[in-house]
Amino acid sequence: MPVSEQRLLDSREYQGIQQVLGPLIMVENIHNVGYNELVEIRCPDGSERLGMVIEANEGAAVVQVFEGTSGLSLPDTAVCFRGAPLRLSVSREMLGRVFDGLGRPIDGGPVPIAEDRWDVNGQPVNPTARQYPTRFIQTGISAIDGMNTLVRGQKLPVFSGSGLPHNKVTAQIVRQAKIVGEDVSFAIVFAAMGVKHDVARYFIRNFEETGVLENVVLFLSLADAPSVVRLITPRTALTMAEYLAFRENMHVLVILTDMTNYCEALREVSTVRGEIPSRKSYPGYLYSDLASLYERAGLVADSTGSITQVPILTMPNDDISHPVPDLTGYITEGQIVLERELFQRGIYPPIAGLPSLSRLMKDGIGPGMTRDDHAHIASQLFAAYARVKDVRALASVIGEEELTPLDHHYLKFGEAFERDFLSQRDDEDRSIEQTLDLGWKVVSILPREELHRVSEEEISKFYGK
């Protein structure tokens, strides 16, 4: 999105700025400036940068500069207010391309021909126009499809930790996600915030080699980019997703990684502004700011498209009560939790069986969507694995030799569940039928009388088969 595309006839230019604080500049003696308004900054060396108004008072404004404030001098810097918010030039031609956090191509290709220009802050959606998510998205990962099903229009975050393979899991979801049994257009919008160059290269190379890049739009804000660009990157990506979903009528899966880096940038700007901090020094409006991103998912009446979100966030010190995962859990409809113990035992993907949850799963599975027995076998797997955790805890105290024969059945089930059901190769794309059959295979290790969550008809049809 070149700067020239952002110029408007009613722009107002002012010479000189009053203060520079980190990524922010303060401009005074101005008039008619609005919140979120696009700003063009002309540097003393003649170059141009983009910024956005984050605070507007009578006669003054605070502007965050996307490319950073290095090299700016107070008297020689000109500020031009463009009278409109930042807009993204959108087009279906952007599929298969790689852009920076502001929507500018970084893959060496030409600037796509714009079909329209959309406000990156999104358009308000009438709550009564929202439709309830009820359709299944197959990721090919048994731990997700079988027990924490992703539903079209849902917000289902992945909670990870430092060193855990969330990038690998994310790439696998992007490669394998599909809508089964329907002839629909499906696309993926991928946004990475604060990632290293090697991580960005991993994603691009992975998508190229597997042939899915043509259906993916990537927005990358690398670790060496100014941190404030991380604040606009998810909004740029979601704007592209809204265009594909509600103008092109496509079903769009949005991957946002890493939301913790986004929140760190938000905390940095808040600290520079001198705002009163809340938990862990994050701003008090962290909840509403995250909600402004997560709530841009869903289905809208009179549109055949949809937006499904899978935000990825790393929990500092694996603390699920940290403000970022804690508030994310309140806004979204469940979570996929990666467990360090499973990872250390060589299980991939290390998706925790019990802390993970999909609150909309019950509405996206069953007859006509997955399989009639899906809800019951998932419930049985949850219940049996919970018993495994109790038996393992007991064995650590009294020793395995003191356990009952039934307890030994549960230990055997737990090993098979983790080895055969949870664990799979990163290039293994399992259908929902394969996942459910695997579930029945491992649960058949238990005696029939221990299966309380499935019906007698299902036991007769699937048990031991």
Protein backbone atom coordinates (compact mmCIF):
# COMPACT_ATOMS: atom_id res chain seq x y z
CA MET A 1 0.00 0.00 0.00
CA PRO A 2 2.13 2.96 -1.19
CA VAL A 3 1.94 6.23 0.68
CA SER A 4 0.64 7.90 -2.47
CA GLU A 5 -2.51 5.78 -2.32
CA GLN A 6 -3.32 7.21 1.09
CA ARG A 7 -3.37 10.89 0.10
CA LEU A 8 -6.69 12.67 0.35
CA LEU A 9 -7.81 16.08 -0.83
CA ASP A 10 -8.70 17.36 2.65
CA SER A 11 -5.27 16.63 4.20
CA ARG A 12 -3.78 19.12 6.65
CA GLU A 13 -0.02 19.56 7.00
CA TYR A 14 1.85 21.02 9.98
CA GLN A 15 5.55 21.82 10.23
CA GLY A 16 7.38 20.80 13.39
CA ILE A 17 6.59 18.46 16.28
CA GLN A 18 6.80 19.13 20.00
CA GLN A 19 8.08 15.84 21.47
CA VAL A 20 9.34 12.36 20.59
CA LEU A 21 8.76 9.53 23.07
CA GLY A 22 9.88 6.13 21.80
CA PRO A 23 7.59 5.26 18.85
CA LEU A 24 5.31 8.25 19.57
CA ILE A 25 5.39 11.88 18.52
CA MET A 26 3.37 14.75 20.04
CA VAL A 27 1.94 17.42 17.75
CA GLU A 28 0.35 20.65 19.02
CA ASN A 29 -1.47 23.68 17.58
CA ILE A 30 -3.62 21.55 15.27
CA HIS A 31 -7.35 21.30 14.63
CA ASN A 32 -9.97 18.80 13.41
CA VAL A 33 -7.92 15.67 14.07
CA GLY A 34 -9.67 12.41 14.89
CA TYR A 35 -8.83 9.16 16.67
CA ASN A 36 -7.32 6.45 14.40
CA GLU A 37 -6.72 9.03 11.66
CA LEU A 38 -3.94 8.22 9.20
CA VAL A 39 -0.86 10.43 9.45
CA GLU A 40 1.97 10.91 6.97
CA ILE A 41 5.29 11.98 8.52
CA ARG A 42 7.84 13.68 6.28
CA CYS A 43 11.34 13.23 7.70
CA PRO A 44 14.16 15.78 7.48
CA ASP A 45 15.89 13.61 4.82
CA GLY A 46 12.80 13.73 2.59
CA SER A 47 11.59 10.18 3.25
CA GLU A 48 8.03 9.46 4.30
CA ARG A 49 6.60 7.32 7.08
CA LEU A 50 3.08 6.40 8.10
CA GLY A 51 1.52 6.80 11.52
CA MET A 52 -1.84 6.78 13.24
CA VAL A 53 -3.47 9.06 15.80
CA ILE A 54 -3.92 7.18 19.09
CA GLU A 55 -4.96 10.17 21.18
CA ALA A 56 -6.63 13.39 20.10
CA ASN A 57 -7.31 16.39 22.32
CA GLU A 58 -8.29 19.95 21.56
CA GLY A 59 -5.33 21.39 19.66
CA ALA A 60 -3.01 18.39 20.19
CA ALA A 61 -2.55 14.77 19.15
CA VAL A 62 -0.36 11.77 19.93
CA VAL A 63 0.76 9.82 16.85
CA GLN A 64 2.33 6.36 16.79
CA VAL A 65 4.83 6.06 13.93
CA PHE A 66 4.83 2.65 12.28
CA GLU A 67 8.39 2.79 10.96
CA GLY A 68 9.80 4.21 14.21
CA THR A 69 10.98 7.69 15.14
CA SER A 70 14.72 7.30 14.55
CA GLY A 71 16.16 10.28 12.65
CA LEU A 72 13.26 12.66 13.33
CA SER A 73 14.07 16.18 14.53
CA LEU A 74 11.51 18.42 16.19
CA PRO A 75 11.59 21.51 13.91
CA ASP A 76 12.29 19.79 10.58
CA THR A 77 9.64 17.07 10.67
CA ALA A 78 6.36 17.75 8.85
CA VAL A 79 3.14 16.01 9.84
CA CYS A 80 0.26 15.62 7.43
CA PHE A 81 -3.14 14.46 8.75
CA ARG A 82 -5.08 12.68 6.00
CA GLY A 83 -8.60 13.00 7.37
CA ALA A 84 -9.34 9.25 7.18
CA PRO A 85 -8.22 6.05 8.93
CA LEU A 86 -5.59 3.69 7.55
CA ARG A 87 -7.04 1.68 4.70
CA LEU A 88 -5.89 -1.57 3.14
CA SER A 89 -6.03 -2.05 -0.61
CA VAL A 90 -7.79 -5.40 -0.96
CA SER A 91 -8.04 -7.78 -3.87
CA ARG A 92 -8.44 -11.49 -4.51
CA GLU A 93 -5.06 -11.25 -6.25
CA MET A 94 -3.47 -11.02 -2.78
CA LEU A 95 -3.92 -14.78 -2.33
CA GLY A 96 -0.54 -16.47 -2.57
CA ARG A 97 1.34 -13.29 -1.67
CA VAL A 98 3.45 -12.13 1.30
CA PHE A 99 3.02 -8.64 2.81
CA ASP A 100 4.42 -6.67 5.72
CA GLY A 101 2.30 -5.59 8.68
CA LEU A 102 0.96 -2.57 6.79
CA GLY A 103 -0.05 -4.56 3.70
CA ARG A 104 2.95 -3.73 1.48
CA PRO A 105 4.37 -6.58 -0.67
CA ILE A 106 7.66 -8.05 0.59
CA ASP A 107 7.85 -11.08 -1.71
CA GLY A 108 9.37 -9.19 -4.64
CA GLY A 109 6.12 -9.17 -6.61
CA PRO A 110 4.19 -6.14 -7.87
CA VAL A 111 1.62 -4.25 -5.85
CA PRO A 112 -1.72 -6.05 -6.44
CA ILE A 113 -4.36 -4.14 -8.36
CA ALA A 114 -6.82 -2.97 -5.71
CA GLU A 115 -10.49 -3.79 -6.08
CA ASP A 116 -11.36 -1.71 -3.03
CA ARG A 117 -9.82 -0.03 0.03
CA TRP A 118 -11.11 -1.06 3.45
CA ASP A 119 -10.66 0.52 6.88
CA VAL A 120 -8.23 -1.67 8.85
CA ASN A 121 -10.22 -1.06 12.05
CA GLY A 122 -13.14 -3.03 10.62
CA GLN A 123 -16.79 -2.22 10.34
CA PRO A 124 -19.21 -2.63 13.26
CA VAL A 125 -21.44 -5.69 12.99
CA ASN A 126 -24.99 -5.62 14.26
CA PRO A 127 -25.13 -8.36 16.94
CA THR A 128 -28.53 -9.48 15.64
CA ALA A 129 -26.92 -10.16 12.23
CA ARG A 130 -24.51 -12.71 13.68
CA GLN A 131 -25.28 -16.37 13.11
CA TYR A 132 -24.42 -19.24 15.44
CA PRO A 133 -21.44 -21.37 14.31
CA THR A 134 -22.50 -24.95 13.56
CA ARG A 135 -20.22 -26.36 10.83
CA PHE A 136 -17.15 -28.54 11.31
CA ILE A 137 -13.65 -27.64 10.02
CA GLN A 138 -11.31 -30.63 9.70
CA THR A 139 -7.71 -29.93 10.68
CA GLY A 140 -6.48 -33.51 10.24
CA ILE A 141 -5.17 -33.50 13.84
CA SER A 142 -6.97 -36.10 15.97
CA ALA A 143 -6.53 -34.26 19.28
CA ILE A 144 -8.39 -31.28 17.77
CA ASP A 145 -10.92 -32.93 15.45
CA GLY A 146 -11.85 -35.71 17.85
CA MET A 147 -11.94 -33.97 21.22
CA ASN A 148 -11.73 -30.18 20.67
CA THR A 149 -13.47 -29.72 17.36
CA LEU A 150 -12.98 -26.48 15.45
CA VAL A 151 -16.27 -25.03 14.19
CA ARG A 152 -16.67 -22.61 11.31
CA GLY A 153 -16.93 -19.06 12.70
CA GLN A 154 -15.35 -19.99 16.04
CA LYS A 155 -12.48 -18.35 17.94
CA LEU A 156 -10.28 -21.20 19.23
CA PRO A 157 -6.85 -20.09 20.51
CA VAL A 158 -3.76 -22.26 21.02
CA PHE A 159 -2.02 -21.75 24.37
CA SER A 160 1.64 -22.68 24.14
CA GLY A 161 4.90 -22.11 25.98
CA SER A 162 8.44 -21.13 25.10
CA GLY A 163 10.16 -23.91 23.17
CA LEU A 164 6.97 -25.85 22.44
CA PRO A 165 6.20 -26.65 18.78
CA HIS A 166 3.33 -24.22 18.27
CA ASN A 167 4.82 -23.05 14.96
CA LYS A 168 4.90 -26.63 13.73
CA VAL A 169 1.30 -27.22 14.84
CA THR A 170 0.23 -23.94 13.25
CA ALA A 171 1.83 -24.83 9.91
CA GLN A 172 0.14 -28.24 9.99
CA ILE A 173 -3.27 -26.66 10.61
CA VAL A 174 -2.74 -24.27 7.70
CA ARG A 175 -1.70 -27.12 5.37
CA GLN A 176 -4.47 -29.51 6.32
CA ALA A 177 -7.51 -27.39 7.26
CA LYS A 178 -10.46 -28.05 5.00
CA ILE A 179 -14.25 -28.04 4.89
CA VAL A 180 -15.41 -31.60 4.28
CA GLY A 181 -18.46 -32.55 2.23
CA GLU A 182 -19.13 -29.08 0.78
CA ASP A 183 -18.05 -27.47 -2.46
CA VAL A 184 -16.98 -24.08 -1.07
CA SER A 185 -14.12 -21.62 -1.52
CA PHE A 186 -11.66 -21.83 1.37
CA ALA A 187 -8.73 -19.51 2.14
CA ILE A 188 -6.30 -18.85 4.97
CA VAL A 189 -5.01 -15.50 6.24
CA PHE A 190 -1.82 -15.85 8.26
CA ALA A 191 -0.47 -13.00 10.42
CA ALA A 192 2.83 -13.26 12.33
CA MET A 193 3.82 -10.61 14.87
CA GLY A 194 7.33 -10.23 16.26
CA VAL A 195 8.61 -13.48 14.73
CA LYS A 196 12.26 -14.06 13.82
CA HIS A 197 13.43 -14.24 10.22
CA ASP A 198 14.04 -17.98 10.39
CA VAL A 199 10.50 -18.58 11.68
CA ALA A 200 9.02 -16.47 8.87
CA ARG A 201 11.16 -18.33 6.34
CA TYR A 202 9.98 -21.65 7.81
CA PHE A 203 6.33 -20.77 7.26
CA ILE A 204 6.84 -19.44 3.71
CA ARG A 205 8.98 -22.40 2.64
CA ASN A 206 6.57 -24.87 4.25
CA PHE A 207 3.57 -23.41 2.43
CA GLU A 208 5.45 -23.25 -0.88
CA GLU A 209 6.69 -26.84 -0.72
CA THR A 210 3.27 -28.24 0.18
CA GLY A 211 1.44 -26.22 -2.48
CA VAL A 212 -0.97 -24.42 -0.15
CA LEU A 213 0.57 -20.94 -0.57
CA GLU A 214 -1.78 -20.10 -3.45
CA ASN A 215 -4.68 -20.14 -0.97
CA VAL A 216 -2.84 -18.23 1.78
CA VAL A 217 -2.26 -14.51 2.37
CA LEU A 218 0.66 -13.85 4.71
CA PHE A 219 1.22 -10.68 6.75
CA LEU A 220 4.60 -10.68 8.50
CA SER A 221 5.80 -8.22 11.13
CA LEU A 222 9.29 -9.46 11.87
CA ALA A 223 11.17 -9.12 15.14
CA ASP A 224 13.43 -6.36 13.77
CA ALA A 225 10.47 -4.23 12.66
CA PRO A 226 9.27 -1.41 14.93
CA SER A 227 7.12 -2.91 17.67
CA VAL A 228 4.17 -0.62 16.93
CA VAL A 229 3.73 -2.34 13.56
CA ARG A 230 2.65 -5.39 15.58
CA LEU A 231 -0.37 -3.40 16.72
CA ILE A 232 -1.63 -2.90 13.17
CA THR A 233 -0.66 -6.31 11.70
CA PRO A 234 -3.61 -8.34 13.07
CA ARG A 235 -6.01 -5.58 12.03
CA THR A 236 -4.59 -5.60 8.50
CA ALA A 237 -4.92 -9.38 8.33
CA LEU A 238 -8.48 -9.37 9.65
CA THR A 239 -9.44 -6.68 7.14
CA MET A 240 -8.21 -8.95 4.35
CA ALA A 241 -10.16 -11.83 5.88
CA GLU A 242 -13.33 -9.72 6.03
CA TYR A 243 -12.95 -8.84 2.37
CA LEU A 244 -12.52 -12.48 1.33
CA ALA A 245 -15.37 -13.64 3.57
CA PHE A 246 -18.00 -10.97 3.09
CA ARG A 247 -17.20 -9.66 -0.40
CA GLU A 248 -15.81 -12.79 -2.09
CA ASN A 249 -18.03 -15.17 -0.04
CA MET A 250 -15.13 -17.42 0.97
CA HIS A 251 -14.67 -19.35 4.19
CA VAL A 252 -11.54 -17.94 5.81
CA LEU A 253 -9.35 -19.37 8.57
CA VAL A 254 -7.27 -16.66 10.28
CA ILE A 255 -4.08 -17.64 12.13
CA LEU A 256 -2.65 -14.95 14.45
CA THR A 257 0.76 -15.68 16.00
CA ASP A 258 2.05 -14.63 18.48
CA MET A 259 -0.61 -12.67 20.37
CA THR A 260 1.72 -12.34 23.36
CA ASN A 261 4.10 -10.29 21.18
CA TYR A 262 1.12 -8.12 20.21
CA CYS A 263 0.26 -7.53 23.87
CA GLU A 264 3.89 -6.72 24.70
CA ALA A 265 3.84 -4.01 22.02
CA LEU A 266 0.57 -2.70 23.44
CA ARG A 267 2.16 -2.55 26.92
CA GLU A 268 5.20 -0.73 25.51
CA VAL A 269 3.09 2.00 23.91
CA SER A 270 0.92 2.28 27.03
CA THR A 271 4.01 2.75 29.22
CA VAL A 272 5.40 5.45 26.93
CA ARG A 273 2.06 7.26 27.12
CA GLY A 274 2.24 7.22 30.91
CA GLU A 275 -1.02 5.32 31.36
CA ILE A 276 -1.86 3.76 34.72
CA PRO A 277 -0.84 0.08 34.49
CA SER A 278 -3.00 -2.88 35.42
CA ARG A 279 -2.01 -6.54 35.94
CA LYS A 280 1.64 -7.26 35.03
CA SER A 281 1.92 -3.64 33.81
CA TYR A 282 -0.46 -4.28 30.90
CA PRO A 283 -2.93 -1.46 30.19
CA GLY A 284 -6.35 -1.65 31.79
CA TYR A 285 -7.98 -1.79 28.36
CA LEU A 286 -6.15 -5.01 27.35
CA TYR A 287 -9.42 -6.96 27.50
CA SER A 288 -11.35 -4.58 25.24
CA ASP A 289 -8.40 -4.28 22.85
CA LEU A 290 -8.14 -8.06 22.45
CA ALA A 291 -11.91 -8.26 22.07
CA SER A 292 -11.75 -5.75 19.20
CA LEU A 293 -9.63 -8.34 17.35
CA TYR A 294 -11.22 -11.62 18.39
CA GLU A 295 -14.78 -10.43 17.82
CA ARG A 296 -14.02 -9.87 14.13
CA ALA A 297 -14.63 -13.58 13.65
CA GLY A 298 -17.94 -15.25 12.93
CA LEU A 299 -20.78 -15.59 10.44
CA VAL A 300 -23.03 -12.75 9.33
CA ALA A 301 -26.54 -13.00 7.93
CA ASP A 302 -26.92 -12.45 4.17
CA SER A 303 -23.32 -13.60 3.58
CA THR A 304 -22.25 -17.12 2.65
CA GLY A 305 -18.68 -16.51 3.85
CA SER A 306 -17.26 -16.87 7.35
CA ILE A 307 -14.19 -16.03 9.45
CA THR A 308 -12.73 -18.58 11.87
CA GLN A 309 -9.87 -17.52 14.15
CA VAL A 310 -7.04 -19.57 15.67
CA PRO A 311 -4.90 -17.13 17.67
CA ILE A 312 -1.58 -18.55 18.93
CA LEU A 313 -0.07 -17.21 22.15
CA THR A 314 2.87 -18.24 24.30
CA MET A 315 2.29 -18.26 28.05
CA PRO A 316 5.21 -16.74 30.01
CA ASN A 317 6.55 -19.44 32.38
CA ASP A 318 3.71 -21.71 31.14
CA ASP A 319 1.37 -19.68 33.36
CA ILE A 320 -2.18 -20.10 32.08
CA SER A 321 -3.35 -17.46 34.59
CA HIS A 322 -1.11 -14.81 32.94
CA PRO A 323 -3.21 -11.82 31.76
CA VAL A 324 -2.87 -12.61 28.04
CA PRO A 325 -4.15 -16.23 28.10
CA ASP A 326 -6.52 -15.43 30.96
CA LEU A 327 -8.32 -12.63 29.11
CA THR A 328 -8.14 -14.51 25.82
CA GLY A 329 -9.95 -17.42 27.43
CA TYR A 330 -12.78 -15.12 28.53
CA ILE A 331 -13.30 -13.74 25.01
CA THR A 332 -12.86 -16.88 22.92
CA GLU A 333 -14.79 -20.16 22.81
CA GLY A 334 -12.27 -22.55 24.34
CA GLN A 335 -8.55 -23.22 24.03
CA ILE A 336 -6.06 -25.79 22.73
CA VAL A 337 -3.32 -26.19 25.36
CA LEU A 338 0.13 -27.55 24.50
CA GLU A 339 1.61 -29.51 27.41
CA ARG A 340 5.33 -29.48 28.18
CA GLU A 341 5.27 -32.93 29.81
CA LEU A 342 3.92 -34.55 26.63
CA PHE A 343 6.49 -32.65 24.54
CA GLN A 344 9.36 -33.84 26.74
CA ARG A 345 8.16 -37.41 26.25
CA GLY A 346 8.39 -37.02 22.48
CA ILE A 347 4.65 -36.84 21.78
CA TYR A 348 3.65 -34.63 18.85
CA PRO A 349 1.41 -32.70 18.81
CA PRO A 350 1.67 -32.28 22.60
CA ILE A 351 -1.98 -31.23 22.99
CA ALA A 352 -3.11 -31.64 26.58
CA GLY A 353 -6.11 -33.93 26.85
CA LEU A 354 -7.88 -32.33 29.82
CA PRO A 355 -7.17 -28.54 29.89
CA SER A 356 -8.09 -28.21 26.21
CA LEU A 357 -11.69 -27.37 25.40
CA SER A 358 -13.89 -26.33 22.49
CA ARG A 359 -17.12 -24.78 23.81
CA LEU A 360 -18.83 -24.92 20.40
CA MET A 361 -17.84 -28.52 19.68
CA LYS A 362 -21.28 -29.90 20.58
CA ASP A 363 -22.90 -27.80 17.83
CA GLY A 364 -20.49 -28.80 15.04
CA ILE A 365 -20.42 -32.58 15.37
CA GLY A 366 -22.85 -35.46 15.07
CA PRO A 367 -25.25 -36.64 12.36
CA GLY A 368 -24.78 -34.91 9.02
CA MET A 369 -21.57 -33.17 10.12
CA THR A 370 -19.06 -35.74 11.44
CA ARG A 371 -20.46 -39.06 12.68
CA ASP A 372 -23.33 -40.08 14.96
CA ASP A 373 -21.06 -41.46 17.68
CA HIS A 374 -18.66 -38.48 17.78
CA ALA A 375 -20.03 -36.73 20.88
CA HIS A 376 -20.25 -39.96 22.91
CA ILE A 377 -16.80 -41.34 22.07
CA ALA A 378 -15.18 -37.93 22.75
CA SER A 379 -16.89 -37.80 26.14
CA GLN A 380 -15.73 -41.34 26.90
CA LEU A 381 -12.14 -40.50 25.96
CA PHE A 382 -12.18 -37.45 28.24
CA ALA A 383 -13.59 -39.43 31.16
CA ALA A 384 -11.19 -42.35 30.74
CA TYR A 385 -8.13 -40.11 30.39
CA ALA A 386 -9.14 -38.21 33.54
CA ARG A 387 -9.17 -41.56 35.36
CA VAL A 388 -5.71 -42.29 33.92
CA LYS A 389 -4.36 -39.11 35.51
CA ASP A 390 -5.75 -40.19 38.90
CA VAL A 391 -4.31 -43.70 38.58
CA ARG A 392 -0.87 -42.35 37.62
CA ALA A 393 -0.92 -40.03 40.61
CA LEU A 394 -1.83 -42.96 42.88
CA ALA A 395 0.88 -45.16 41.34
CA SER A 396 3.49 -42.49 42.06
CA VAL A 397 2.61 -42.81 45.77
CA ILE A 398 1.99 -46.54 46.34
CA GLY A 399 3.73 -48.04 43.30
CA GLU A 400 2.25 -49.74 40.26
CA GLU A 401 2.43 -53.21 41.82
CA GLU A 402 -0.17 -52.19 44.39
CA LEU A 403 -2.73 -51.09 41.80
CA THR A 404 -5.86 -53.11 41.03
CA PRO A 405 -6.26 -55.01 37.74
CA LEU A 406 -8.73 -52.36 36.58
CA ASP A 407 -6.19 -49.62 37.32
CA HIS A 408 -3.68 -51.47 35.15
CA HIS A 409 -6.26 -51.48 32.32
CA TYR A 410 -6.47 -47.69 32.64
CA LEU A 411 -2.68 -47.33 32.59
CA LYS A 412 -2.57 -49.41 29.42
CA PHE A 413 -5.34 -47.27 27.93
CA GLY A 414 -3.46 -44.06 28.80
CA GLU A 415 -0.31 -45.24 27.06
CA ALA A 416 -2.26 -46.27 23.94
CA PHE A 417 -4.27 -43.04 23.96
CA GLU A 418 -1.12 -40.89 23.97
CA ARG A 419 0.84 -43.14 21.57
CA ASP A 420 -1.86 -43.90 18.99
CA PHE A 421 -4.53 -41.19 19.30
CA LEU A 422 -2.78 -38.00 20.41
CA SER A 423 0.52 -38.65 18.65
CA GLN A 424 0.83 -38.37 14.88
CA ARG A 425 3.35 -37.23 12.28
CA ASP A 426 3.42 -33.56 11.29
CA ASP A 427 2.58 -34.59 7.70
CA GLU A 428 -0.19 -37.00 8.71
CA ASP A 429 -3.63 -35.76 7.68
CA ARG A 430 -6.27 -37.91 9.36
CA SER A 431 -9.89 -37.85 8.28
CA ILE A 432 -12.55 -37.53 10.98
CA GLU A 433 -13.50 -41.19 10.36
CA GLN A 434 -9.90 -42.29 11.01
CA THR A 435 -9.80 -40.19 14.18
CA LEU A 436 -13.02 -41.65 15.57
CA ASP A 437 -11.97 -45.20 14.67
CA LEU A 438 -8.69 -44.62 16.53
CA GLY A 439 -10.70 -43.42 19.51
CA TRP A 440 -12.70 -46.64 19.54
CA LYS A 441 -9.52 -48.68 19.11
CA VAL A 442 -7.87 -47.27 22.23
CA VAL A 443 -11.04 -47.22 24.32
CA SER A 444 -11.59 -50.92 23.51
CA ILE A 445 -8.64 -51.63 25.83
CA LEU A 446 -11.01 -50.97 28.74
CA PRO A 447 -13.62 -53.50 29.85
CA ARG A 448 -17.07 -52.97 28.30
CA GLU A 449 -18.61 -52.27 31.70
CA GLU A 450 -16.32 -49.22 32.08
CA LEU A 451 -17.81 -47.48 29.04
CA HIS A 452 -20.55 -45.33 30.56
CA ARG A 453 -20.58 -42.47 28.04
CA VAL A 454 -21.45 -44.44 24.90
CA SER A 455 -24.65 -46.29 24.00
CA GLU A 456 -25.08 -50.06 23.80
CA GLU A 457 -25.73 -49.76 20.06
CA GLU A 458 -22.42 -47.92 19.59
CA ILE A 459 -20.58 -50.49 21.69
CA SER A 460 -22.02 -53.30 19.58
CA LYS A 461 -21.01 -51.51 16.38
CA PHE A 462 -17.54 -50.20 17.22
CA TYR A 463 -16.14 -51.83 20.40
CA GLY A 464 -13.19 -54.07 19.63
CA LYS A 465 -13.61 -53.61 15.86
